[in-house]
Amino acid sequence: MEDYIVQLLKKYRIPENEKPRVIESCNNLQLTKDEIEFYFESFNFYDRNKDHCINRDELGNAIRASGGNPSIQYIEQLLRDFDTNRPESNDYHGRIELSEFLYLTKQVLSTEDPSALKHAFNYFDSNSDGYISYSELHRACTTEGEPMTDDEVHEMLTDVDID
């Protein structure tokens, strides 16, 4: 399994110093190859600025894509809880590296019900055309949970819309 993880680390250009922590995380979480690949791909997708870390905005987008509508306070708390690869000074730097993302995803963002993501997508895709339009996203994000502003919805869509 370690060879497979190393291949993915190279594929996604994860820094060498992250390698032992990622391998340890995968082993501790007893992830399957499919889970490992899915989490690596997810991390790479949400790491929009390609700095090999998930920042507050990127984490918020990941949670929203999983069907949540988190408050900024909730996102900040997750960052404090899962940002464990800190320098010796234990300063909170507010970014989640891949090894931390594996724990976060497995413990917070994953679900017992594999159909939950499809259900969340279908909730946003109100006209069932297989796409989430700006108006569909806007409706959901401004009326559910902690309402987002028009600018926040536009920024989120800009961050995650790759086509």
N, C-alpha and C. Protein backbone atom coordinates (compact mmCIF):
# COMPACT_ATOMS: atom_id res chain seq x y z
N MET A 1 0.82 -1.19 0.00
CA MET A 1 0.00 0.00 0.00
C MET A 1 0.87 1.26 0.00
N GLU A 2 2.00 1.19 0.70
CA GLU A 2 2.87 2.36 0.78
C GLU A 2 3.36 2.79 -0.60
N ASP A 3 3.68 1.83 -1.47
CA ASP A 3 4.12 2.17 -2.83
C ASP A 3 3.02 2.92 -3.59
N TYR A 4 1.80 2.50 -3.41
CA TYR A 4 0.66 3.16 -4.06
C TYR A 4 0.52 4.60 -3.57
N ILE A 5 0.66 4.79 -2.27
CA ILE A 5 0.57 6.14 -1.70
C ILE A 5 1.69 7.02 -2.24
N VAL A 6 2.89 6.48 -2.32
CA VAL A 6 4.03 7.23 -2.83
C VAL A 6 3.79 7.64 -4.29
N GLN A 7 3.21 6.75 -5.09
CA GLN A 7 2.88 7.09 -6.48
C GLN A 7 1.91 8.27 -6.53
N LEU A 8 0.90 8.24 -5.68
CA LEU A 8 -0.07 9.34 -5.66
C LEU A 8 0.57 10.64 -5.16
N LEU A 9 1.45 10.54 -4.20
CA LEU A 9 2.14 11.73 -3.71
C LEU A 9 2.93 12.39 -4.85
N LYS A 10 3.57 11.57 -5.66
CA LYS A 10 4.31 12.10 -6.81
C LYS A 10 3.36 12.67 -7.86
N LYS A 11 2.29 11.93 -8.13
CA LYS A 11 1.31 12.37 -9.14
C LYS A 11 0.75 13.75 -8.80
N TYR A 12 0.42 13.97 -7.52
CA TYR A 12 -0.18 15.24 -7.10
C TYR A 12 0.84 16.24 -6.58
N ARG A 13 2.13 15.88 -6.70
CA ARG A 13 3.23 16.78 -6.34
C ARG A 13 3.15 17.30 -4.91
N ILE A 14 2.82 16.38 -4.02
CA ILE A 14 2.76 16.71 -2.61
C ILE A 14 4.20 16.81 -2.09
N PRO A 15 4.52 17.83 -1.31
CA PRO A 15 5.90 18.00 -0.83
C PRO A 15 6.43 16.77 -0.10
N GLU A 16 7.69 16.51 -0.29
CA GLU A 16 8.35 15.32 0.27
C GLU A 16 8.21 15.25 1.79
N ASN A 17 8.25 16.40 2.47
CA ASN A 17 8.17 16.37 3.94
C ASN A 17 6.80 15.93 4.44
N GLU A 18 5.81 15.91 3.59
CA GLU A 18 4.46 15.49 3.96
C GLU A 18 4.31 13.96 3.85
N LYS A 19 5.22 13.32 3.12
CA LYS A 19 5.13 11.89 2.83
C LYS A 19 4.95 11.01 4.07
N PRO A 20 5.81 11.12 5.10
CA PRO A 20 5.63 10.22 6.25
C PRO A 20 4.29 10.44 6.97
N ARG A 21 3.85 11.68 7.06
CA ARG A 21 2.59 11.96 7.74
C ARG A 21 1.40 11.41 6.95
N VAL A 22 1.47 11.49 5.62
CA VAL A 22 0.38 10.98 4.78
C VAL A 22 0.31 9.46 4.90
N ILE A 23 1.45 8.81 4.82
CA ILE A 23 1.49 7.35 4.94
C ILE A 23 0.95 6.93 6.31
N GLU A 24 1.38 7.61 7.36
CA GLU A 24 0.90 7.30 8.70
C GLU A 24 -0.62 7.52 8.80
N SER A 25 -1.11 8.61 8.24
CA SER A 25 -2.55 8.90 8.29
C SER A 25 -3.34 7.82 7.57
N CYS A 26 -2.90 7.44 6.38
CA CYS A 26 -3.59 6.40 5.61
C CYS A 26 -3.64 5.08 6.40
N ASN A 27 -2.52 4.74 7.03
CA ASN A 27 -2.46 3.51 7.82
C ASN A 27 -3.35 3.60 9.06
N ASN A 28 -3.27 4.71 9.78
CA ASN A 28 -4.07 4.86 11.00
C ASN A 28 -5.57 4.83 10.70
N LEU A 29 -5.96 5.42 9.59
CA LEU A 29 -7.37 5.47 9.22
C LEU A 29 -7.83 4.21 8.50
N GLN A 30 -6.89 3.32 8.20
CA GLN A 30 -7.18 2.06 7.49
C GLN A 30 -7.96 2.32 6.19
N LEU A 31 -7.42 3.25 5.40
CA LEU A 31 -8.08 3.62 4.15
C LEU A 31 -7.82 2.58 3.07
N THR A 32 -8.81 2.36 2.24
CA THR A 32 -8.65 1.48 1.09
C THR A 32 -7.99 2.28 -0.04
N LYS A 33 -7.54 1.59 -1.06
CA LYS A 33 -6.96 2.28 -2.22
C LYS A 33 -7.95 3.25 -2.85
N ASP A 34 -9.20 2.83 -2.96
CA ASP A 34 -10.23 3.71 -3.55
C ASP A 34 -10.42 4.96 -2.70
N GLU A 35 -10.46 4.79 -1.38
CA GLU A 35 -10.61 5.96 -0.50
C GLU A 35 -9.41 6.88 -0.61
N ILE A 36 -8.23 6.30 -0.62
CA ILE A 36 -7.01 7.12 -0.72
C ILE A 36 -7.03 7.93 -2.00
N GLU A 37 -7.33 7.27 -3.10
CA GLU A 37 -7.37 7.99 -4.38
C GLU A 37 -8.44 9.09 -4.37
N PHE A 38 -9.61 8.77 -3.85
CA PHE A 38 -10.69 9.76 -3.77
C PHE A 38 -10.27 10.96 -2.93
N TYR A 39 -9.66 10.73 -1.77
CA TYR A 39 -9.26 11.83 -0.88
C TYR A 39 -8.12 12.65 -1.49
N PHE A 40 -7.18 12.00 -2.18
CA PHE A 40 -6.12 12.74 -2.86
C PHE A 40 -6.72 13.63 -3.95
N GLU A 41 -7.63 13.06 -4.75
CA GLU A 41 -8.26 13.84 -5.81
C GLU A 41 -9.07 15.00 -5.23
N SER A 42 -9.78 14.75 -4.16
CA SER A 42 -10.57 15.80 -3.51
C SER A 42 -9.66 16.91 -3.00
N PHE A 43 -8.59 16.53 -2.34
CA PHE A 43 -7.65 17.52 -1.82
C PHE A 43 -7.11 18.37 -2.96
N ASN A 44 -6.69 17.72 -4.02
CA ASN A 44 -6.15 18.43 -5.17
C ASN A 44 -7.19 19.37 -5.79
N PHE A 45 -8.43 18.93 -5.84
CA PHE A 45 -9.50 19.76 -6.41
C PHE A 45 -9.75 21.00 -5.56
N TYR A 46 -9.87 20.82 -4.25
CA TYR A 46 -10.19 21.95 -3.37
C TYR A 46 -9.01 22.86 -3.11
N ASP A 47 -7.81 22.38 -3.32
CA ASP A 47 -6.62 23.22 -3.18
C ASP A 47 -6.49 24.08 -4.44
N ARG A 48 -7.35 25.06 -4.56
CA ARG A 48 -7.46 25.85 -5.79
C ARG A 48 -6.19 26.63 -6.12
N ASN A 49 -5.48 27.13 -5.11
CA ASN A 49 -4.27 27.91 -5.39
C ASN A 49 -3.01 27.04 -5.45
N LYS A 50 -3.18 25.74 -5.31
CA LYS A 50 -2.11 24.74 -5.47
C LYS A 50 -0.90 24.99 -4.56
N ASP A 51 -1.20 25.40 -3.30
CA ASP A 51 -0.12 25.59 -2.34
C ASP A 51 0.04 24.38 -1.42
N HIS A 52 -0.66 23.28 -1.74
CA HIS A 52 -0.61 22.02 -1.00
C HIS A 52 -1.21 22.14 0.40
N CYS A 53 -2.11 23.10 0.56
CA CYS A 53 -2.84 23.29 1.81
C CYS A 53 -4.27 23.72 1.46
N ILE A 54 -5.18 23.41 2.35
CA ILE A 54 -6.56 23.85 2.22
C ILE A 54 -6.75 24.99 3.21
N ASN A 55 -7.07 26.18 2.68
CA ASN A 55 -7.28 27.33 3.56
C ASN A 55 -8.75 27.44 3.95
N ARG A 56 -9.10 28.47 4.68
CA ARG A 56 -10.46 28.63 5.19
C ARG A 56 -11.49 28.64 4.06
N ASP A 57 -11.24 29.42 3.01
CA ASP A 57 -12.20 29.51 1.91
C ASP A 57 -12.34 28.18 1.19
N GLU A 58 -11.22 27.51 0.96
CA GLU A 58 -11.25 26.23 0.26
C GLU A 58 -11.96 25.17 1.10
N LEU A 59 -11.76 25.20 2.41
CA LEU A 59 -12.45 24.25 3.28
C LEU A 59 -13.95 24.52 3.28
N GLY A 60 -14.33 25.78 3.30
CA GLY A 60 -15.74 26.12 3.23
C GLY A 60 -16.38 25.60 1.95
N ASN A 61 -15.67 25.73 0.84
CA ASN A 61 -16.19 25.22 -0.43
C ASN A 61 -16.32 23.71 -0.42
N ALA A 62 -15.37 23.02 0.21
CA ALA A 62 -15.44 21.55 0.30
C ALA A 62 -16.66 21.13 1.11
N ILE A 63 -16.91 21.81 2.21
CA ILE A 63 -18.05 21.46 3.05
C ILE A 63 -19.36 21.76 2.31
N ARG A 64 -19.40 22.88 1.63
CA ARG A 64 -20.62 23.23 0.87
C ARG A 64 -20.87 22.21 -0.24
N ALA A 65 -19.80 21.77 -0.89
CA ALA A 65 -19.95 20.78 -1.95
C ALA A 65 -20.45 19.44 -1.40
N SER A 66 -20.22 19.20 -0.11
CA SER A 66 -20.71 17.98 0.53
C SER A 66 -22.12 18.14 1.08
N GLY A 67 -22.73 19.29 0.80
CA GLY A 67 -24.11 19.51 1.21
C GLY A 67 -24.28 20.35 2.45
N GLY A 68 -23.17 20.83 3.03
CA GLY A 68 -23.27 21.65 4.23
C GLY A 68 -23.32 23.13 3.90
N ASN A 69 -23.65 23.92 4.90
CA ASN A 69 -23.62 25.37 4.78
C ASN A 69 -23.01 25.91 6.07
N PRO A 70 -21.67 25.77 6.18
CA PRO A 70 -21.00 26.06 7.45
C PRO A 70 -20.86 27.56 7.71
N SER A 71 -20.86 27.90 8.98
CA SER A 71 -20.56 29.28 9.37
C SER A 71 -19.04 29.45 9.34
N ILE A 72 -18.60 30.68 9.30
CA ILE A 72 -17.15 30.95 9.35
C ILE A 72 -16.59 30.44 10.67
N GLN A 73 -17.36 30.58 11.74
CA GLN A 73 -16.89 30.11 13.05
C GLN A 73 -16.68 28.59 13.04
N TYR A 74 -17.58 27.86 12.39
CA TYR A 74 -17.45 26.41 12.30
C TYR A 74 -16.19 26.03 11.50
N ILE A 75 -15.98 26.70 10.39
CA ILE A 75 -14.79 26.42 9.57
C ILE A 75 -13.53 26.72 10.36
N GLU A 76 -13.50 27.85 11.06
CA GLU A 76 -12.34 28.21 11.88
C GLU A 76 -12.10 27.16 12.97
N GLN A 77 -13.17 26.64 13.56
CA GLN A 77 -13.02 25.62 14.60
C GLN A 77 -12.43 24.33 14.00
N LEU A 78 -12.89 23.94 12.82
CA LEU A 78 -12.32 22.77 12.16
C LEU A 78 -10.84 22.97 11.89
N LEU A 79 -10.47 24.14 11.42
CA LEU A 79 -9.06 24.43 11.17
C LEU A 79 -8.25 24.31 12.45
N ARG A 80 -8.76 24.86 13.54
CA ARG A 80 -8.05 24.75 14.82
C ARG A 80 -7.96 23.29 15.29
N ASP A 81 -9.03 22.54 15.09
CA ASP A 81 -9.06 21.14 15.54
C ASP A 81 -8.15 20.22 14.73
N PHE A 82 -8.07 20.46 13.42
CA PHE A 82 -7.36 19.52 12.55
C PHE A 82 -6.00 20.01 12.08
N ASP A 83 -5.65 21.25 12.36
CA ASP A 83 -4.35 21.78 11.97
C ASP A 83 -3.31 21.34 13.00
N THR A 84 -2.85 20.10 12.86
CA THR A 84 -1.95 19.52 13.85
C THR A 84 -0.49 19.52 13.41
N ASN A 85 -0.21 19.80 12.15
CA ASN A 85 1.17 19.80 11.65
C ASN A 85 1.77 21.20 11.81
N ARG A 86 1.71 21.69 13.01
CA ARG A 86 2.17 23.04 13.31
C ARG A 86 3.65 23.04 13.59
N PRO A 87 4.27 24.21 13.44
CA PRO A 87 5.68 24.32 13.85
C PRO A 87 5.81 24.06 15.35
N GLU A 88 7.02 23.92 15.81
CA GLU A 88 7.27 23.61 17.23
C GLU A 88 6.59 24.60 18.16
N SER A 89 6.39 25.82 17.71
CA SER A 89 5.77 26.84 18.56
C SER A 89 4.28 26.59 18.76
N ASN A 90 3.72 25.61 18.03
CA ASN A 90 2.29 25.31 18.08
C ASN A 90 1.41 26.46 17.64
N ASP A 91 1.95 27.37 16.85
CA ASP A 91 1.14 28.46 16.32
C ASP A 91 0.14 27.89 15.33
N TYR A 92 -1.07 28.37 15.45
CA TYR A 92 -2.14 27.98 14.53
C TYR A 92 -1.91 28.75 13.22
N HIS A 93 -1.77 28.01 12.11
CA HIS A 93 -1.55 28.71 10.84
C HIS A 93 -2.76 28.68 9.92
N GLY A 94 -3.82 27.99 10.31
CA GLY A 94 -5.08 28.07 9.58
C GLY A 94 -5.10 27.39 8.23
N ARG A 95 -4.26 26.39 8.03
CA ARG A 95 -4.26 25.64 6.77
C ARG A 95 -4.20 24.16 7.09
N ILE A 96 -4.87 23.39 6.25
CA ILE A 96 -4.91 21.94 6.42
C ILE A 96 -4.07 21.31 5.31
N GLU A 97 -3.07 20.54 5.73
CA GLU A 97 -2.24 19.82 4.77
C GLU A 97 -2.90 18.48 4.47
N LEU A 98 -2.39 17.76 3.48
CA LEU A 98 -3.02 16.52 3.05
C LEU A 98 -3.21 15.52 4.18
N SER A 99 -2.19 15.31 5.00
CA SER A 99 -2.33 14.32 6.09
C SER A 99 -3.44 14.72 7.05
N GLU A 100 -3.62 16.01 7.28
CA GLU A 100 -4.69 16.49 8.15
C GLU A 100 -6.05 16.38 7.45
N PHE A 101 -6.04 16.65 6.14
CA PHE A 101 -7.26 16.57 5.35
C PHE A 101 -7.83 15.15 5.36
N LEU A 102 -6.95 14.15 5.37
CA LEU A 102 -7.41 12.77 5.42
C LEU A 102 -8.24 12.53 6.68
N TYR A 103 -7.76 13.00 7.82
CA TYR A 103 -8.51 12.84 9.07
C TYR A 103 -9.79 13.66 9.03
N LEU A 104 -9.68 14.89 8.60
CA LEU A 104 -10.85 15.77 8.53
C LEU A 104 -11.93 15.17 7.65
N THR A 105 -11.54 14.70 6.48
CA THR A 105 -12.51 14.14 5.55
C THR A 105 -13.14 12.87 6.10
N LYS A 106 -12.32 12.01 6.64
CA LYS A 106 -12.82 10.74 7.17
C LYS A 106 -13.73 10.96 8.37
N GLN A 107 -13.39 11.91 9.23
CA GLN A 107 -14.13 12.09 10.47
C GLN A 107 -15.28 13.08 10.36
N VAL A 108 -15.17 14.10 9.51
CA VAL A 108 -16.17 15.16 9.49
C VAL A 108 -16.96 15.19 8.20
N LEU A 109 -16.29 15.10 7.07
CA LEU A 109 -16.97 15.29 5.80
C LEU A 109 -17.54 14.01 5.22
N SER A 110 -17.03 12.85 5.64
CA SER A 110 -17.55 11.61 5.09
C SER A 110 -18.87 11.28 5.76
N THR A 111 -19.55 10.32 5.21
CA THR A 111 -20.87 9.96 5.71
C THR A 111 -21.03 8.46 5.69
N GLU A 112 -21.87 7.95 6.53
CA GLU A 112 -22.17 6.52 6.53
C GLU A 112 -22.95 6.14 5.28
N ASP A 113 -23.71 7.07 4.76
CA ASP A 113 -24.61 6.81 3.63
C ASP A 113 -23.95 7.30 2.34
N PRO A 114 -23.49 6.39 1.47
CA PRO A 114 -22.80 6.82 0.25
C PRO A 114 -23.70 7.58 -0.71
N SER A 115 -25.00 7.53 -0.54
CA SER A 115 -25.89 8.26 -1.43
C SER A 115 -26.08 9.71 -0.99
N ALA A 116 -25.50 10.09 0.14
CA ALA A 116 -25.71 11.44 0.68
C ALA A 116 -25.18 12.52 -0.26
N LEU A 117 -24.03 12.28 -0.88
CA LEU A 117 -23.48 13.28 -1.80
C LEU A 117 -24.39 13.44 -3.01
N LYS A 118 -24.88 12.34 -3.53
CA LYS A 118 -25.82 12.41 -4.66
C LYS A 118 -27.09 13.14 -4.24
N HIS A 119 -27.56 12.85 -3.05
CA HIS A 119 -28.76 13.53 -2.55
C HIS A 119 -28.51 15.03 -2.44
N ALA A 120 -27.33 15.42 -1.93
CA ALA A 120 -27.00 16.84 -1.80
C ALA A 120 -26.92 17.49 -3.18
N PHE A 121 -26.31 16.80 -4.14
CA PHE A 121 -26.24 17.35 -5.49
C PHE A 121 -27.64 17.54 -6.06
N ASN A 122 -28.48 16.53 -5.90
CA ASN A 122 -29.84 16.61 -6.42
C ASN A 122 -30.64 17.73 -5.76
N TYR A 123 -30.35 17.99 -4.49
CA TYR A 123 -31.03 19.08 -3.80
C TYR A 123 -30.71 20.42 -4.49
N PHE A 124 -29.43 20.62 -4.80
CA PHE A 124 -29.03 21.86 -5.47
C PHE A 124 -29.53 21.89 -6.91
N ASP A 125 -29.49 20.75 -7.60
CA ASP A 125 -29.89 20.65 -9.01
C ASP A 125 -31.41 20.50 -9.09
N SER A 126 -32.12 21.59 -8.80
CA SER A 126 -33.58 21.52 -8.68
C SER A 126 -34.30 21.20 -9.98
N ASN A 127 -33.69 21.50 -11.14
CA ASN A 127 -34.35 21.16 -12.41
C ASN A 127 -33.87 19.83 -12.98
N SER A 128 -33.02 19.11 -12.25
CA SER A 128 -32.55 17.76 -12.62
C SER A 128 -31.89 17.68 -13.99
N ASP A 129 -31.13 18.73 -14.35
CA ASP A 129 -30.45 18.69 -15.64
C ASP A 129 -29.01 18.19 -15.54
N GLY A 130 -28.58 17.81 -14.33
CA GLY A 130 -27.22 17.30 -14.15
C GLY A 130 -26.19 18.38 -13.89
N TYR A 131 -26.63 19.62 -13.77
CA TYR A 131 -25.75 20.76 -13.50
C TYR A 131 -26.37 21.59 -12.39
N ILE A 132 -25.50 22.26 -11.64
CA ILE A 132 -25.99 23.20 -10.64
C ILE A 132 -25.73 24.59 -11.19
N SER A 133 -26.80 25.27 -11.55
CA SER A 133 -26.69 26.61 -12.13
C SER A 133 -26.44 27.63 -11.02
N TYR A 134 -26.06 28.82 -11.44
CA TYR A 134 -25.86 29.90 -10.48
C TYR A 134 -27.15 30.16 -9.70
N SER A 135 -28.26 30.20 -10.38
CA SER A 135 -29.53 30.50 -9.69
C SER A 135 -29.89 29.40 -8.69
N GLU A 136 -29.62 28.13 -9.03
CA GLU A 136 -29.90 27.03 -8.11
C GLU A 136 -29.00 27.12 -6.87
N LEU A 137 -27.73 27.38 -7.11
CA LEU A 137 -26.78 27.51 -6.01
C LEU A 137 -27.14 28.73 -5.15
N HIS A 138 -27.46 29.82 -5.81
CA HIS A 138 -27.82 31.04 -5.10
C HIS A 138 -29.03 30.82 -4.20
N ARG A 139 -30.06 30.16 -4.72
CA ARG A 139 -31.26 29.90 -3.94
C ARG A 139 -30.93 29.10 -2.68
N ALA A 140 -30.16 28.03 -2.84
CA ALA A 140 -29.85 27.17 -1.71
C ALA A 140 -28.96 27.89 -0.69
N CYS A 141 -27.99 28.60 -1.17
CA CYS A 141 -27.01 29.21 -0.25
C CYS A 141 -27.52 30.48 0.43
N THR A 142 -28.54 31.08 -0.11
CA THR A 142 -29.08 32.29 0.52
C THR A 142 -30.32 32.02 1.34
N THR A 143 -30.82 30.78 1.31
CA THR A 143 -32.04 30.48 2.07
C THR A 143 -31.86 29.38 3.10
N GLU A 144 -30.78 28.61 3.04
CA GLU A 144 -30.57 27.49 3.96
C GLU A 144 -29.41 27.79 4.90
N GLY A 145 -29.48 27.28 6.12
CA GLY A 145 -28.38 27.43 7.09
C GLY A 145 -28.08 28.89 7.35
N GLU A 146 -26.78 29.19 7.46
CA GLU A 146 -26.36 30.59 7.63
C GLU A 146 -26.32 31.22 6.24
N PRO A 147 -27.25 32.14 5.97
CA PRO A 147 -27.35 32.69 4.61
C PRO A 147 -26.05 33.36 4.15
N MET A 148 -25.74 33.12 2.88
CA MET A 148 -24.57 33.73 2.27
C MET A 148 -25.01 34.97 1.49
N THR A 149 -24.08 35.89 1.28
CA THR A 149 -24.37 37.06 0.47
C THR A 149 -24.23 36.69 -1.01
N ASP A 150 -24.72 37.56 -1.88
CA ASP A 150 -24.56 37.34 -3.32
C ASP A 150 -23.09 37.24 -3.69
N ASP A 151 -22.25 38.09 -3.10
CA ASP A 151 -20.82 38.06 -3.40
C ASP A 151 -20.18 36.75 -2.97
N GLU A 152 -20.58 36.22 -1.81
CA GLU A 152 -20.03 34.94 -1.33
C GLU A 152 -20.43 33.80 -2.26
N VAL A 153 -21.67 33.80 -2.72
CA VAL A 153 -22.13 32.75 -3.64
C VAL A 153 -21.36 32.85 -4.95
N HIS A 154 -21.20 34.06 -5.45
CA HIS A 154 -20.47 34.25 -6.71
C HIS A 154 -19.02 33.79 -6.57
N GLU A 155 -18.38 34.14 -5.45
CA GLU A 155 -16.99 33.73 -5.22
C GLU A 155 -16.87 32.22 -5.13
N MET A 156 -17.80 31.57 -4.43
CA MET A 156 -17.77 30.12 -4.31
C MET A 156 -17.90 29.45 -5.68
N LEU A 157 -18.83 29.93 -6.47
CA LEU A 157 -19.04 29.34 -7.79
C LEU A 157 -17.82 29.55 -8.67
N THR A 158 -17.22 30.72 -8.57
CA THR A 158 -16.01 31.01 -9.35
C THR A 158 -14.87 30.09 -8.93
N ASP A 159 -14.78 29.80 -7.63
CA ASP A 159 -13.71 28.94 -7.12
C ASP A 159 -13.85 27.50 -7.57
N VAL A 160 -15.08 26.99 -7.68
CA VAL A 160 -15.25 25.56 -7.95
C VAL A 160 -15.68 25.22 -9.38
N ASP A 161 -16.12 26.20 -10.16
CA ASP A 161 -16.57 25.92 -11.53
C ASP A 161 -15.38 25.86 -12.46
N ILE A 162 -14.98 24.65 -12.83
CA ILE A 162 -13.80 24.51 -13.69
C ILE A 162 -14.15 24.40 -15.17
N ASP A 163 -15.42 24.36 -15.50
CA ASP A 163 -15.79 24.36 -16.91
C ASP A 163 -16.88 25.39 -17.14
